[in-house]
Amino acid sequence: MILAYAGGKMRKHRIKTLAGDRVTIEMSSYDLTKGRITFRHKPEGARPASGNRQATYKTRGRR
């Protein structure tokens, strides 16, 4: 059993983890029951999130 917390970039970019997610953990060399979550792996078959985004800027030219 390992107790781990979200690393700095995970918190900065607000990456959420749920029970059952596959993650990469850095282990403490002093206490092998504690660690830091450094990466959340995407689930198999995940689609890219950039498909249905609208532009946030106004286009110039013809309509």
C-alpha atoms as a PDB file:
ATOM      1  CA  MET A   1       0.000   0.000   0.000  1.00  0.00           C
ATOM      2  CA  ILE A   2       1.409   3.390  -1.045  1.00  0.00           C
ATOM      3  CA  LEU A   3       0.285   6.860  -0.006  1.00  0.00           C
ATOM      4  CA  ALA A   4       0.865   9.299  -2.874  1.00  0.00           C
ATOM      5  CA  TYR A   5      -0.022  12.911  -3.642  1.00  0.00           C
ATOM      6  CA  ALA A   6      -0.275  14.791  -6.950  1.00  0.00           C
ATOM      7  CA  GLY A   7       2.995  16.375  -8.070  1.00  0.00           C
ATOM      8  CA  GLY A   8       3.434  20.062  -8.883  1.00  0.00           C
ATOM      9  CA  LYS A   9       2.609  19.976 -12.626  1.00  0.00           C
ATOM     10  CA  MET A  10      -0.380  17.712 -11.936  1.00  0.00           C
ATOM     11  CA  ARG A  11      -1.755  20.340  -9.563  1.00  0.00           C
ATOM     12  CA  LYS A  12      -0.782  23.270 -11.793  1.00  0.00           C
ATOM     13  CA  HIS A  13      -2.622  21.877 -14.815  1.00  0.00           C
ATOM     14  CA  ARG A  14      -5.501  20.536 -12.683  1.00  0.00           C
ATOM     15  CA  ILE A  15      -5.119  16.936 -13.861  1.00  0.00           C
ATOM     16  CA  LYS A  16      -7.563  14.789 -11.919  1.00  0.00           C
ATOM     17  CA  THR A  17      -7.022  11.163 -10.972  1.00  0.00           C
ATOM     18  CA  LEU A  18      -9.680   8.653 -10.020  1.00  0.00           C
ATOM     19  CA  ALA A  19      -9.545   5.237  -8.430  1.00  0.00           C
ATOM     20  CA  GLY A  20      -8.476   2.747 -11.083  1.00  0.00           C
ATOM     21  CA  ASP A  21      -6.450   5.225 -13.189  1.00  0.00           C
ATOM     22  CA  ARG A  22      -2.997   4.090 -14.303  1.00  0.00           C
ATOM     23  CA  VAL A  23      -0.366   6.508 -13.017  1.00  0.00           C
ATOM     24  CA  THR A  24       3.406   6.813 -12.739  1.00  0.00           C
ATOM     25  CA  ILE A  25       4.731   7.341  -9.220  1.00  0.00           C
ATOM     26  CA  GLU A  26       8.075   8.587  -7.923  1.00  0.00           C
ATOM     27  CA  MET A  27       8.871   6.726  -4.734  1.00  0.00           C
ATOM     28  CA  SER A  28      10.587   8.270  -1.729  1.00  0.00           C
ATOM     29  CA  SER A  29      13.978   6.725  -1.064  1.00  0.00           C
ATOM     30  CA  TYR A  30      13.521   7.246   2.691  1.00  0.00           C
ATOM     31  CA  ASP A  31      10.030   5.799   3.163  1.00  0.00           C
ATOM     32  CA  LEU A  32       8.844   3.231   0.611  1.00  0.00           C
ATOM     33  CA  THR A  33       5.198   3.715   1.602  1.00  0.00           C
ATOM     34  CA  LYS A  34       5.071   7.304   0.296  1.00  0.00           C
ATOM     35  CA  GLY A  35       5.350   8.754  -3.189  1.00  0.00           C
ATOM     36  CA  ARG A  36       4.372  11.447  -5.687  1.00  0.00           C
ATOM     37  CA  ILE A  37       2.098  10.978  -8.728  1.00  0.00           C
ATOM     38  CA  THR A  38       3.932  12.413 -11.730  1.00  0.00           C
ATOM     39  CA  PHE A  39       1.905  11.222 -14.742  1.00  0.00           C
ATOM     40  CA  ARG A  40      -1.613   9.963 -15.470  1.00  0.00           C
ATOM     41  CA  HIS A  41      -1.726   7.564 -18.416  1.00  0.00           C
ATOM     42  CA  LYS A  42      -4.553   7.969 -20.917  1.00  0.00           C
ATOM     43  CA  PRO A  43      -7.040   5.089 -21.057  1.00  0.00           C
ATOM     44  CA  GLU A  44      -6.844   2.701 -24.009  1.00  0.00           C
ATOM     45  CA  GLY A  45      -8.925   3.863 -26.960  1.00  0.00           C
ATOM     46  CA  ALA A  46      -9.136   7.469 -25.768  1.00  0.00           C
ATOM     47  CA  ARG A  47      -9.941  10.047 -28.432  1.00  0.00           C
ATOM     48  CA  PRO A  48      -8.202  13.435 -28.710  1.00  0.00           C
ATOM     49  CA  ALA A  49     -10.030  16.246 -26.932  1.00  0.00           C
ATOM     50  CA  SER A  50      -9.398  18.900 -29.600  1.00  0.00           C
ATOM     51  CA  GLY A  51     -12.208  17.793 -31.946  1.00  0.00           C
ATOM     52  CA  ASN A  52     -15.140  20.113 -31.198  1.00  0.00           C
ATOM     53  CA  ARG A  53     -13.465  23.315 -30.090  1.00  0.00           C
ATOM     54  CA  GLN A  54     -14.553  26.669 -31.440  1.00  0.00           C
ATOM     55  CA  ALA A  55     -12.077  29.444 -32.143  1.00  0.00           C
ATOM     56  CA  THR A  56     -11.878  32.070 -29.390  1.00  0.00           C
ATOM     57  CA  TYR A  57     -10.866  34.812 -31.798  1.00  0.00           C
ATOM     58  CA  LYS A  58     -12.755  36.671 -34.505  1.00  0.00           C
ATOM     59  CA  THR A  59     -11.915  35.749 -38.067  1.00  0.00           C
ATOM     60  CA  ARG A  60     -11.160  38.464 -40.573  1.00  0.00           C
ATOM     61  CA  GLY A  61     -12.308  38.591 -44.152  1.00  0.00           C
ATOM     62  CA  ARG A  62     -15.404  37.092 -45.795  1.00  0.00           C
ATOM     63  CA  ARG A  63     -18.121  35.336 -43.941  1.00  0.00           C
END
